[in-house]
PDB file of all heavy atoms in Angstrom:
ATOM      1  N   PRO A   1       0.841  -1.258   0.018  1.00  0.00           N
ATOM      2  CA  PRO A   1       0.016   0.054   0.033  1.00  0.00           C
ATOM      3  C   PRO A   1       0.902   1.232   0.046  1.00  0.00           C
ATOM      4  O   PRO A   1       1.870   1.338   0.718  1.00  0.00           O
ATOM      5  CB  PRO A   1      -0.740  -0.109   1.291  1.00  0.00           C
ATOM      6  CG  PRO A   1       0.171  -0.820   2.201  1.00  0.00           C
ATOM      7  CD  PRO A   1       1.027  -1.764   1.426  1.00  0.00           C
ATOM      8  N   VAL A   2       0.487   2.188  -0.766  1.00  0.00           N
ATOM      9  CA  VAL A   2       1.183   3.466  -0.844  1.00  0.00           C
ATOM     10  C   VAL A   2       0.169   4.575  -0.623  1.00  0.00           C
ATOM     11  O   VAL A   2      -0.837   4.672  -1.393  1.00  0.00           O
ATOM     12  CB  VAL A   2       1.933   3.681  -2.207  1.00  0.00           C
ATOM     13  CG1 VAL A   2       2.669   5.040  -2.186  1.00  0.00           C
ATOM     14  CG2 VAL A   2       2.924   2.602  -2.454  1.00  0.00           C
ATOM     15  N   ALA A   3       0.349   5.387   0.344  1.00  0.00           N
ATOM     16  CA  ALA A   3      -0.588   6.549   0.765  1.00  0.00           C
ATOM     17  C   ALA A   3      -0.333   7.813   0.065  1.00  0.00           C
ATOM     18  O   ALA A   3       0.929   8.144  -0.131  1.00  0.00           O
ATOM     19  CB  ALA A   3      -0.591   6.727   2.338  1.00  0.00           C
ATOM     20  N   GLU A   4      -1.236   8.471  -0.446  1.00  0.00           N
ATOM     21  CA  GLU A   4      -1.058   9.705  -1.084  1.00  0.00           C
ATOM     22  C   GLU A   4      -1.863  10.912  -0.475  1.00  0.00           C
ATOM     23  O   GLU A   4      -2.902  10.693   0.152  1.00  0.00           O
ATOM     24  CB  GLU A   4      -1.424   9.608  -2.580  1.00  0.00           C
ATOM     25  CG  GLU A   4      -2.857   9.488  -2.901  1.00  0.00           C
ATOM     26  CD  GLU A   4      -3.126   9.592  -4.459  1.00  0.00           C
ATOM     27  OE1 GLU A   4      -2.295   9.954  -5.195  1.00  0.00           O
ATOM     28  OE2 GLU A   4      -4.213   9.117  -4.751  1.00  0.00           O
ATOM     29  N   ILE A   5      -1.344  12.050  -0.649  1.00  0.00           N
ATOM     30  CA  ILE A   5      -1.926  13.358  -0.179  1.00  0.00           C
ATOM     31  C   ILE A   5      -2.278  14.046  -1.451  1.00  0.00           C
ATOM     32  O   ILE A   5      -1.666  14.133  -2.468  1.00  0.00           O
ATOM     33  CB  ILE A   5      -0.884  14.134   0.580  1.00  0.00           C
ATOM     34  CG1 ILE A   5      -0.339  13.342   1.803  1.00  0.00           C
ATOM     35  CG2 ILE A   5      -1.635  15.466   1.146  1.00  0.00           C
ATOM     36  CD1 ILE A   5      -1.363  12.909   2.821  1.00  0.00           C
ATOM     37  N   PHE A   6      -3.545  14.794  -1.379  1.00  0.00           N
ATOM     38  CA  PHE A   6      -3.905  15.573  -2.507  1.00  0.00           C
ATOM     39  C   PHE A   6      -3.542  17.061  -2.370  1.00  0.00           C
ATOM     40  O   PHE A   6      -3.921  17.668  -1.369  1.00  0.00           O
ATOM     41  CB  PHE A   6      -5.484  15.425  -2.715  1.00  0.00           C
ATOM     42  CG  PHE A   6      -5.896  14.116  -3.366  1.00  0.00           C
ATOM     43  CD1 PHE A   6      -5.968  12.995  -2.552  1.00  0.00           C
ATOM     44  CD2 PHE A   6      -6.029  14.035  -4.668  1.00  0.00           C
ATOM     45  CE1 PHE A   6      -6.300  11.808  -3.118  1.00  0.00           C
ATOM     46  CE2 PHE A   6      -6.374  12.865  -5.314  1.00  0.00           C
ATOM     47  CZ  PHE A   6      -6.538  11.747  -4.492  1.00  0.00           C
ATOM     48  N   ALA A   7      -2.810  17.544  -3.257  1.00  0.00           N
ATOM     49  CA  ALA A   7      -2.402  18.935  -3.219  1.00  0.00           C
ATOM     50  C   ALA A   7      -3.388  19.863  -3.539  1.00  0.00           C
ATOM     51  O   ALA A   7      -3.433  21.005  -2.896  1.00  0.00           O
ATOM     52  CB  ALA A   7      -1.165  19.091  -4.207  1.00  0.00           C
ATOM     53  N   ASP A   8      -4.283  19.640  -4.448  1.00  0.00           N
ATOM     54  CA  ASP A   8      -5.397  20.573  -4.955  1.00  0.00           C
ATOM     55  C   ASP A   8      -6.787  20.210  -4.492  1.00  0.00           C
ATOM     56  O   ASP A   8      -7.634  20.759  -5.111  1.00  0.00           O
ATOM     57  CB  ASP A   8      -5.230  20.566  -6.499  1.00  0.00           C
ATOM     58  CG  ASP A   8      -5.338  19.193  -7.168  1.00  0.00           C
ATOM     59  OD1 ASP A   8      -5.562  18.282  -6.424  1.00  0.00           O
ATOM     60  OD2 ASP A   8      -5.278  19.098  -8.411  1.00  0.00           O
ATOM     61  N   ARG A   9      -6.861  19.505  -3.487  1.00  0.00           N
ATOM     62  CA  ARG A   9      -8.247  19.209  -2.966  1.00  0.00           C
ATOM     63  C   ARG A   9      -8.323  19.606  -1.469  1.00  0.00           C
ATOM     64  O   ARG A   9      -7.359  19.359  -0.713  1.00  0.00           O
ATOM     65  CB  ARG A   9      -8.599  17.681  -3.190  1.00  0.00           C
ATOM     66  CG  ARG A   9      -8.695  17.246  -4.542  1.00  0.00           C
ATOM     67  CD  ARG A   9     -10.014  17.877  -5.233  1.00  0.00           C
ATOM     68  NE  ARG A   9     -11.264  17.647  -4.426  1.00  0.00           N
ATOM     69  CZ  ARG A   9     -11.931  16.605  -4.413  1.00  0.00           C
ATOM     70  NH1 ARG A   9     -11.529  15.572  -5.140  1.00  0.00           N
ATOM     71  NH2 ARG A   9     -13.032  16.399  -3.664  1.00  0.00           N
ATOM     72  N   ALA A  10      -9.462  20.047  -1.135  1.00  0.00           N
ATOM     73  CA  ALA A  10      -9.644  20.399   0.303  1.00  0.00           C
ATOM     74  C   ALA A  10     -10.079  19.205   1.070  1.00  0.00           C
ATOM     75  O   ALA A  10     -10.664  18.238   0.553  1.00  0.00           O
ATOM     76  CB  ALA A  10     -10.793  21.447   0.463  1.00  0.00           C
ATOM     77  N   TYR A  11      -9.665  19.078   2.374  1.00  0.00           N
ATOM     78  CA  TYR A  11      -9.912  17.900   3.230  1.00  0.00           C
ATOM     79  C   TYR A  11     -11.040  18.304   4.212  1.00  0.00           C
ATOM     80  O   TYR A  11     -11.137  19.423   4.726  1.00  0.00           O
ATOM     81  CB  TYR A  11      -8.734  17.527   3.959  1.00  0.00           C
ATOM     82  CG  TYR A  11      -7.695  16.709   3.119  1.00  0.00           C
ATOM     83  CD1 TYR A  11      -6.860  17.247   2.271  1.00  0.00           C
ATOM     84  CD2 TYR A  11      -7.731  15.302   3.272  1.00  0.00           C
ATOM     85  CE1 TYR A  11      -5.925  16.484   1.661  1.00  0.00           C
ATOM     86  CE2 TYR A  11      -6.816  14.578   2.544  1.00  0.00           C
ATOM     87  CZ  TYR A  11      -5.921  15.149   1.676  1.00  0.00           C
ATOM     88  OH  TYR A  11      -5.008  14.382   0.967  1.00  0.00           O
ATOM     89  N   LEU A  12     -11.889  17.279   4.507  1.00  0.00           N
ATOM     90  CA  LEU A  12     -12.744  17.418   5.656  1.00  0.00           C
ATOM     91  C   LEU A  12     -11.972  17.119   6.938  1.00  0.00           C
ATOM     92  O   LEU A  12     -10.960  16.413   6.865  1.00  0.00           O
ATOM     93  CB  LEU A  12     -13.915  16.465   5.495  1.00  0.00           C
ATOM     94  CG  LEU A  12     -14.802  16.776   4.281  1.00  0.00           C
ATOM     95  CD1 LEU A  12     -15.906  15.716   4.139  1.00  0.00           C
ATOM     96  CD2 LEU A  12     -15.413  18.188   4.412  1.00  0.00           C
ATOM     97  N   PRO A  13     -12.503  17.493   8.054  1.00  0.00           N
ATOM     98  CA  PRO A  13     -11.766  17.250   9.349  1.00  0.00           C
ATOM     99  C   PRO A  13     -11.428  15.740   9.633  1.00  0.00           C
ATOM    100  O   PRO A  13     -10.579  15.409  10.374  1.00  0.00           O
ATOM    101  CB  PRO A  13     -12.602  17.823  10.464  1.00  0.00           C
ATOM    102  CG  PRO A  13     -13.369  18.973   9.691  1.00  0.00           C
ATOM    103  CD  PRO A  13     -13.640  18.449   8.344  1.00  0.00           C
ATOM    104  N   ASP A  14     -12.339  14.877   9.110  1.00  0.00           N
ATOM    105  CA  ASP A  14     -12.123  13.393   9.252  1.00  0.00           C
ATOM    106  C   ASP A  14     -11.188  12.760   8.316  1.00  0.00           C
ATOM    107  O   ASP A  14     -11.046  11.542   8.412  1.00  0.00           O
ATOM    108  CB  ASP A  14     -13.458  12.708   9.344  1.00  0.00           C
ATOM    109  CG  ASP A  14     -14.227  12.786   7.944  1.00  0.00           C
ATOM    110  OD1 ASP A  14     -13.616  13.371   6.991  1.00  0.00           O
ATOM    111  OD2 ASP A  14     -15.267  12.134   7.804  1.00  0.00           O
ATOM    112  N   GLY A  15     -10.534  13.579   7.455  1.00  0.00           N
ATOM    113  CA  GLY A  15      -9.513  13.024   6.535  1.00  0.00           C
ATOM    114  C   GLY A  15     -10.093  12.709   5.148  1.00  0.00           C
ATOM    115  O   GLY A  15      -9.315  12.281   4.292  1.00  0.00           O
ATOM    116  N   ARG A  16     -11.408  12.777   5.035  1.00  0.00           N
ATOM    117  CA  ARG A  16     -12.019  12.569   3.681  1.00  0.00           C
ATOM    118  C   ARG A  16     -11.828  13.843   2.793  1.00  0.00           C
ATOM    119  O   ARG A  16     -11.655  14.927   3.228  1.00  0.00           O
ATOM    120  CB  ARG A  16     -13.523  12.230   3.723  1.00  0.00           C
ATOM    121  CG  ARG A  16     -13.830  10.918   4.343  1.00  0.00           C
ATOM    122  CD  ARG A  16     -15.282  10.741   4.457  1.00  0.00           C
ATOM    123  NE  ARG A  16     -15.952  11.742   5.313  1.00  0.00           N
ATOM    124  CZ  ARG A  16     -17.107  12.289   4.990  1.00  0.00           C
ATOM    125  NH1 ARG A  16     -17.722  11.991   3.952  1.00  0.00           N
ATOM    126  NH2 ARG A  16     -17.683  13.151   5.891  1.00  0.00           N
ATOM    127  N   LEU A  17     -11.895  13.513   1.478  1.00  0.00           N
ATOM    128  CA  LEU A  17     -11.835  14.774   0.594  1.00  0.00           C
ATOM    129  C   LEU A  17     -13.115  15.459   0.567  1.00  0.00           C
ATOM    130  O   LEU A  17     -14.214  14.814   0.616  1.00  0.00           O
ATOM    131  CB  LEU A  17     -11.468  14.304  -0.795  1.00  0.00           C
ATOM    132  CG  LEU A  17     -10.085  13.648  -1.062  1.00  0.00           C
ATOM    133  CD1 LEU A  17      -9.903  13.267  -2.433  1.00  0.00           C
ATOM    134  CD2 LEU A  17      -8.996  14.642  -0.662  1.00  0.00           C
ATOM    135  N   MET A  18     -13.171  16.746   0.531  1.00  0.00           N
ATOM    136  CA  MET A  18     -14.364  17.505   0.416  1.00  0.00           C
ATOM    137  C   MET A  18     -15.114  17.236  -0.960  1.00  0.00           C
ATOM    138  O   MET A  18     -14.469  17.126  -1.933  1.00  0.00           O
ATOM    139  CB  MET A  18     -14.158  19.032   0.482  1.00  0.00           C
ATOM    140  CG  MET A  18     -15.389  19.831   0.490  1.00  0.00           C
ATOM    141  SD  MET A  18     -15.158  21.613   0.339  1.00  0.00           S
ATOM    142  CE  MET A  18     -14.275  21.856   1.951  1.00  0.00           C
ATOM    143  N   PRO A  19     -16.377  16.888  -0.949  1.00  0.00           N
ATOM    144  CA  PRO A  19     -17.100  16.581  -2.220  1.00  0.00           C
ATOM    145  C   PRO A  19     -16.933  17.720  -3.163  1.00  0.00           C
ATOM    146  O   PRO A  19     -16.962  18.905  -2.841  1.00  0.00           O
ATOM    147  CB  PRO A  19     -18.551  16.421  -1.754  1.00  0.00           C
ATOM    148  CG  PRO A  19     -18.476  16.013  -0.394  1.00  0.00           C
ATOM    149  CD  PRO A  19     -17.262  16.730   0.240  1.00  0.00           C
ATOM    150  N   ARG A  20     -16.751  17.338  -4.422  1.00  0.00           N
ATOM    151  CA  ARG A  20     -16.515  18.415  -5.488  1.00  0.00           C
ATOM    152  C   ARG A  20     -17.610  19.338  -5.689  1.00  0.00           C
ATOM    153  O   ARG A  20     -17.369  20.371  -6.227  1.00  0.00           O
ATOM    154  CB  ARG A  20     -16.189  17.662  -6.807  1.00  0.00           C
ATOM    155  CG  ARG A  20     -14.833  17.065  -6.952  1.00  0.00           C
ATOM    156  CD  ARG A  20     -14.485  16.371  -8.226  1.00  0.00           C
ATOM    157  NE  ARG A  20     -13.185  15.935  -8.419  1.00  0.00           N
ATOM    158  CZ  ARG A  20     -12.222  16.719  -9.009  1.00  0.00           C
ATOM    159  NH1 ARG A  20     -12.518  17.914  -9.433  1.00  0.00           N
ATOM    160  NH2 ARG A  20     -10.980  16.254  -9.145  1.00  0.00           N
ATOM    161  N   ASP A  21     -18.796  19.079  -5.315  1.00  0.00           N
ATOM    162  CA  ASP A  21     -19.955  20.005  -5.532  1.00  0.00           C
ATOM    163  C   ASP A  21     -20.021  21.042  -4.381  1.00  0.00           C
ATOM    164  O   ASP A  21     -20.862  21.954  -4.449  1.00  0.00           O
ATOM    165  CB  ASP A  21     -21.267  19.285  -5.556  1.00  0.00           C
ATOM    166  CG  ASP A  21     -21.610  18.388  -4.307  1.00  0.00           C
ATOM    167  OD1 ASP A  21     -20.809  18.414  -3.391  1.00  0.00           O
ATOM    168  OD2 ASP A  21     -22.696  17.851  -4.336  1.00  0.00           O
ATOM    169  N   ARG A  22     -19.036  21.025  -3.433  1.00  0.00           N
ATOM    170  CA  ARG A  22     -19.041  22.068  -2.435  1.00  0.00           C
ATOM    171  C   ARG A  22     -18.057  23.157  -2.789  1.00  0.00           C
ATOM    172  O   ARG A  22     -16.932  22.825  -3.285  1.00  0.00           O
ATOM    173  CB  ARG A  22     -18.742  21.446  -1.052  1.00  0.00           C
ATOM    174  CG  ARG A  22     -19.841  20.654  -0.514  1.00  0.00           C
ATOM    175  CD  ARG A  22     -19.465  20.017   0.781  1.00  0.00           C
ATOM    176  NE  ARG A  22     -18.972  20.936   1.791  1.00  0.00           N
ATOM    177  CZ  ARG A  22     -18.679  20.589   3.037  1.00  0.00           C
ATOM    178  NH1 ARG A  22     -18.823  19.262   3.465  1.00  0.00           N
ATOM    179  NH2 ARG A  22     -18.298  21.494   3.906  1.00  0.00           N
ATOM    180  N   PRO A  23     -18.353  24.480  -2.535  1.00  0.00           N
ATOM    181  CA  PRO A  23     -17.428  25.495  -2.796  1.00  0.00           C
ATOM    182  C   PRO A  23     -16.091  25.347  -2.039  1.00  0.00           C
ATOM    183  O   PRO A  23     -16.049  24.960  -0.900  1.00  0.00           O
ATOM    184  CB  PRO A  23     -18.087  26.729  -2.232  1.00  0.00           C
ATOM    185  CG  PRO A  23     -19.539  26.422  -2.249  1.00  0.00           C
ATOM    186  CD  PRO A  23     -19.600  24.957  -1.942  1.00  0.00           C
ATOM    187  N   GLY A  24     -14.975  25.514  -2.833  1.00  0.00           N
ATOM    188  CA  GLY A  24     -13.569  25.392  -2.203  1.00  0.00           C
ATOM    189  C   GLY A  24     -13.060  24.036  -2.241  1.00  0.00           C
ATOM    190  O   GLY A  24     -12.014  23.777  -1.711  1.00  0.00           O
ATOM    191  N   ALA A  25     -13.811  23.042  -2.857  1.00  0.00           N
ATOM    192  CA  ALA A  25     -13.347  21.698  -2.853  1.00  0.00           C
ATOM    193  C   ALA A  25     -12.087  21.472  -3.657  1.00  0.00           C
ATOM    194  O   ALA A  25     -11.275  20.727  -3.347  1.00  0.00           O
ATOM    195  CB  ALA A  25     -14.458  20.739  -3.323  1.00  0.00           C
ATOM    196  N   VAL A  26     -11.890  22.288  -4.682  1.00  0.00           N
ATOM    197  CA  VAL A  26     -10.780  22.128  -5.585  1.00  0.00           C
ATOM    198  C   VAL A  26      -9.985  23.475  -5.423  1.00  0.00           C
ATOM    199  O   VAL A  26     -10.563  24.604  -5.546  1.00  0.00           O
ATOM    200  CB  VAL A  26     -11.196  21.870  -7.012  1.00  0.00           C
ATOM    201  CG1 VAL A  26      -9.938  21.815  -7.909  1.00  0.00           C
ATOM    202  CG2 VAL A  26     -12.099  20.713  -7.178  1.00  0.00           C
ATOM    203  N   LEU A  27      -8.722  23.295  -5.172  1.00  0.00           N
ATOM    204  CA  LEU A  27      -7.871  24.538  -5.003  1.00  0.00           C
ATOM    205  C   LEU A  27      -7.161  24.889  -6.275  1.00  0.00           C
ATOM    206  O   LEU A  27      -6.763  23.901  -7.092  1.00  0.00           O
ATOM    207  CB  LEU A  27      -6.780  24.208  -3.906  1.00  0.00           C
ATOM    208  CG  LEU A  27      -7.306  23.722  -2.674  1.00  0.00           C
ATOM    209  CD1 LEU A  27      -6.168  23.400  -1.642  1.00  0.00           C
ATOM    210  CD2 LEU A  27      -8.356  24.680  -2.031  1.00  0.00           C
ATOM    211  N   HIS A  28      -6.977  26.186  -6.580  1.00  0.00           N
ATOM    212  CA  HIS A  28      -6.437  26.615  -7.892  1.00  0.00           C
ATOM    213  C   HIS A  28      -5.175  27.469  -7.737  1.00  0.00           C
ATOM    214  O   HIS A  28      -4.535  27.585  -8.739  1.00  0.00           O
ATOM    215  CB  HIS A  28      -7.503  27.403  -8.615  1.00  0.00           C
ATOM    216  CG  HIS A  28      -8.756  26.570  -8.967  1.00  0.00           C
ATOM    217  ND1 HIS A  28      -8.728  25.469  -9.850  1.00  0.00           N
ATOM    218  CD2 HIS A  28      -9.985  26.525  -8.384  1.00  0.00           C
ATOM    219  CE1 HIS A  28     -10.003  24.985  -9.830  1.00  0.00           C
ATOM    220  NE2 HIS A  28     -10.745  25.556  -8.951  1.00  0.00           N
ATOM    221  N   ASP A  29      -4.846  28.021  -6.612  1.00  0.00           N
ATOM    222  CA  ASP A  29      -3.749  28.943  -6.523  1.00  0.00           C
ATOM    223  C   ASP A  29      -2.439  28.053  -6.389  1.00  0.00           C
ATOM    224  O   ASP A  29      -2.227  27.451  -5.466  1.00  0.00           O
ATOM    225  CB  ASP A  29      -3.931  29.821  -5.284  1.00  0.00           C
ATOM    226  CG  ASP A  29      -2.813  30.849  -5.146  1.00  0.00           C
ATOM    227  OD1 ASP A  29      -1.696  30.466  -4.665  1.00  0.00           O
ATOM    228  OD2 ASP A  29      -2.962  31.994  -5.583  1.00  0.00           O
ATOM    229  N   PRO A  30      -1.518  28.199  -7.345  1.00  0.00           N
ATOM    230  CA  PRO A  30      -0.315  27.431  -7.338  1.00  0.00           C
ATOM    231  C   PRO A  30       0.521  27.604  -6.222  1.00  0.00           C
ATOM    232  O   PRO A  30       1.075  26.653  -5.616  1.00  0.00           O
ATOM    233  CB  PRO A  30       0.439  27.844  -8.670  1.00  0.00           C
ATOM    234  CG  PRO A  30      -0.648  28.303  -9.593  1.00  0.00           C
ATOM    235  CD  PRO A  30      -1.698  28.979  -8.667  1.00  0.00           C
ATOM    236  N   ASP A  31       0.679  28.918  -5.709  1.00  0.00           N
ATOM    237  CA  ASP A  31       1.527  29.199  -4.537  1.00  0.00           C
ATOM    238  C   ASP A  31       0.898  28.623  -3.245  1.00  0.00           C
ATOM    239  O   ASP A  31       1.642  28.088  -2.382  1.00  0.00           O
ATOM    240  CB  ASP A  31       1.778  30.640  -4.431  1.00  0.00           C
ATOM    241  CG  ASP A  31       2.627  31.218  -5.479  1.00  0.00           C
ATOM    242  OD1 ASP A  31       3.474  30.449  -6.035  1.00  0.00           O
ATOM    243  OD2 ASP A  31       2.513  32.417  -5.947  1.00  0.00           O
ATOM    244  N   GLN A  32      -0.379  28.717  -3.181  1.00  0.00           N
ATOM    245  CA  GLN A  32      -1.074  28.201  -1.981  1.00  0.00           C
ATOM    246  C   GLN A  32      -0.898  26.647  -1.953  1.00  0.00           C
ATOM    247  O   GLN A  32      -0.663  26.020  -0.888  1.00  0.00           O
ATOM    248  CB  GLN A  32      -2.571  28.476  -1.944  1.00  0.00           C
ATOM    249  CG  GLN A  32      -3.349  27.920  -0.816  1.00  0.00           C
ATOM    250  CD  GLN A  32      -4.820  28.003  -1.070  1.00  0.00           C
ATOM    251  OE1 GLN A  32      -5.278  28.222  -2.163  1.00  0.00           O
ATOM    252  NE2 GLN A  32      -5.679  27.670  -0.100  1.00  0.00           N
ATOM    253  N   ILE A  33      -1.116  26.051  -3.026  1.00  0.00           N
ATOM    254  CA  ILE A  33      -0.958  24.539  -3.188  1.00  0.00           C
ATOM    255  C   ILE A  33       0.436  24.032  -2.781  1.00  0.00           C
ATOM    256  O   ILE A  33       0.599  23.180  -2.043  1.00  0.00           O
ATOM    257  CB  ILE A  33      -1.357  24.121  -4.631  1.00  0.00           C
ATOM    258  CG1 ILE A  33      -2.870  24.297  -4.924  1.00  0.00           C
ATOM    259  CG2 ILE A  33      -0.916  22.637  -4.834  1.00  0.00           C
ATOM    260  CD1 ILE A  33      -3.196  24.137  -6.254  1.00  0.00           C
ATOM    261  N   ALA A  34       1.442  24.813  -3.312  1.00  0.00           N
ATOM    262  CA  ALA A  34       2.854  24.398  -3.014  1.00  0.00           C
ATOM    263  C   ALA A  34       3.171  24.597  -1.528  1.00  0.00           C
ATOM    264  O   ALA A  34       3.845  23.772  -0.920  1.00  0.00           O
ATOM    265  CB  ALA A  34       3.806  25.324  -3.787  1.00  0.00           C
ATOM    266  N   ALA A  35       2.697  25.740  -0.996  1.00  0.00           N
ATOM    267  CA  ALA A  35       2.978  25.943   0.404  1.00  0.00           C
ATOM    268  C   ALA A  35       2.325  24.960   1.343  1.00  0.00           C
ATOM    269  O   ALA A  35       2.982  24.503   2.330  1.00  0.00           O
ATOM    270  CB  ALA A  35       2.447  27.330   0.870  1.00  0.00           C
ATOM    271  N   ARG A  36       1.113  24.527   1.046  1.00  0.00           N
ATOM    272  CA  ARG A  36       0.463  23.546   1.906  1.00  0.00           C
ATOM    273  C   ARG A  36       1.225  22.170   1.805  1.00  0.00           C
ATOM    274  O   ARG A  36       1.303  21.377   2.724  1.00  0.00           O
ATOM    275  CB  ARG A  36      -1.005  23.430   1.643  1.00  0.00           C
ATOM    276  CG  ARG A  36      -1.476  22.735   0.399  1.00  0.00           C
ATOM    277  CD  ARG A  36      -2.891  23.094  -0.004  1.00  0.00           C
ATOM    278  NE  ARG A  36      -3.929  22.625   0.914  1.00  0.00           N
ATOM    279  CZ  ARG A  36      -4.581  21.487   0.867  1.00  0.00           C
ATOM    280  NH1 ARG A  36      -4.475  20.839  -0.204  1.00  0.00           N
ATOM    281  NH2 ARG A  36      -5.461  21.206   1.726  1.00  0.00           N
ATOM    282  N   MET A  37       1.820  21.861   0.638  1.00  0.00           N
ATOM    283  CA  MET A  37       2.499  20.619   0.422  1.00  0.00           C
ATOM    284  C   MET A  37       3.892  20.582   1.132  1.00  0.00           C
ATOM    285  O   MET A  37       4.332  19.589   1.653  1.00  0.00           O
ATOM    286  CB  MET A  37       2.649  20.278  -1.045  1.00  0.00           C
ATOM    287  CG  MET A  37       1.335  19.863  -1.700  1.00  0.00           C
ATOM    288  SD  MET A  37       0.623  18.285  -0.952  1.00  0.00           S
ATOM    289  CE  MET A  37      -0.610  19.154   0.199  1.00  0.00           C
ATOM    290  N   LEU A  38       4.466  21.825   1.127  1.00  0.00           N
ATOM    291  CA  LEU A  38       5.754  21.932   1.904  1.00  0.00           C
ATOM    292  C   LEU A  38       5.498  21.727   3.355  1.00  0.00           C
ATOM    293  O   LEU A  38       6.240  21.091   4.065  1.00  0.00           O
ATOM    294  CB  LEU A  38       6.407  23.269   1.589  1.00  0.00           C
ATOM    295  CG  LEU A  38       7.701  23.449   2.323  1.00  0.00           C
ATOM    296  CD1 LEU A  38       8.799  22.425   1.834  1.00  0.00           C
ATOM    297  CD2 LEU A  38       8.293  24.893   2.063  1.00  0.00           C
ATOM    298  N   ARG A  39       4.465  22.314   3.906  1.00  0.00           N
ATOM    299  CA  ARG A  39       4.022  22.140   5.263  1.00  0.00           C
ATOM    300  C   ARG A  39       3.778  20.666   5.596  1.00  0.00           C
ATOM    301  O   ARG A  39       4.233  20.188   6.586  1.00  0.00           O
ATOM    302  CB  ARG A  39       2.782  22.926   5.497  1.00  0.00           C
ATOM    303  CG  ARG A  39       2.243  22.805   6.979  1.00  0.00           C
ATOM    304  CD  ARG A  39       0.891  23.262   7.237  1.00  0.00           C
ATOM    305  NE  ARG A  39       0.420  23.041   8.625  1.00  0.00           N
ATOM    306  CZ  ARG A  39      -0.814  23.286   9.058  1.00  0.00           C
ATOM    307  NH1 ARG A  39      -1.737  23.687   8.206  1.00  0.00           N
ATOM    308  NH2 ARG A  39      -1.101  23.031  10.269  1.00  0.00           N
ATOM    309  N   PHE A  40       3.124  19.969   4.664  1.00  0.00           N
ATOM    310  CA  PHE A  40       2.861  18.575   4.880  1.00  0.00           C
ATOM    311  C   PHE A  40       4.229  17.789   4.991  1.00  0.00           C
ATOM    312  O   PHE A  40       4.406  16.930   5.874  1.00  0.00           O
ATOM    313  CB  PHE A  40       2.032  17.934   3.778  1.00  0.00           C
ATOM    314  CG  PHE A  40       2.027  16.467   3.836  1.00  0.00           C
ATOM    315  CD1 PHE A  40       1.431  15.700   4.832  1.00  0.00           C
ATOM    316  CD2 PHE A  40       2.770  15.711   2.865  1.00  0.00           C
ATOM    317  CE1 PHE A  40       1.411  14.401   4.886  1.00  0.00           C
ATOM    318  CE2 PHE A  40       2.863  14.441   2.914  1.00  0.00           C
ATOM    319  CZ  PHE A  40       2.140  13.708   3.906  1.00  0.00           C
ATOM    320  N   VAL A  41       5.126  18.026   4.028  1.00  0.00           N
ATOM    321  CA  VAL A  41       6.404  17.301   3.960  1.00  0.00           C
ATOM    322  C   VAL A  41       7.213  17.621   5.249  1.00  0.00           C
ATOM    323  O   VAL A  41       7.832  16.698   5.865  1.00  0.00           O
ATOM    324  CB  VAL A  41       7.191  17.696   2.760  1.00  0.00           C
ATOM    325  CG1 VAL A  41       8.581  17.101   2.799  1.00  0.00           C
ATOM    326  CG2 VAL A  41       6.514  17.142   1.523  1.00  0.00           C
ATOM    327  N   GLU A  42       7.133  18.810   5.710  1.00  0.00           N
ATOM    328  CA  GLU A  42       7.982  19.264   6.916  1.00  0.00           C
ATOM    329  C   GLU A  42       7.404  18.851   8.203  1.00  0.00           C
ATOM    330  O   GLU A  42       7.999  18.618   9.155  1.00  0.00           O
ATOM    331  CB  GLU A  42       8.178  20.748   6.862  1.00  0.00           C
ATOM    332  CG  GLU A  42       9.142  21.114   5.705  1.00  0.00           C
ATOM    333  CD  GLU A  42       9.375  22.697   5.684  1.00  0.00           C
ATOM    334  OE1 GLU A  42       8.669  23.441   6.279  1.00  0.00           O
ATOM    335  OE2 GLU A  42      10.468  22.980   5.081  1.00  0.00           O
ATOM    336  N   THR A  43       5.989  18.846   8.307  1.00  0.00           N
ATOM    337  CA  THR A  43       5.296  18.587   9.614  1.00  0.00           C
ATOM    338  C   THR A  43       4.441  17.351   9.670  1.00  0.00           C
ATOM    339  O   THR A  43       3.995  16.998  10.727  1.00  0.00           O
ATOM    340  CB  THR A  43       4.555  19.820   9.938  1.00  0.00           C
ATOM    341  OG1 THR A  43       3.374  19.943   9.020  1.00  0.00           O
ATOM    342  CG2 THR A  43       5.371  21.111   9.923  1.00  0.00           C
TER     343      THR A  43
END
């Protein structure tokens, strides 16, 4: 098994991905996406 993190999708507090029909479910800002992934790798 290999676990993956989604860079461009919003997460619900229980670890599920936010459904695509909800506002903000898909992230579009490249710098925001990159920053949240660096935070994940570091913390």
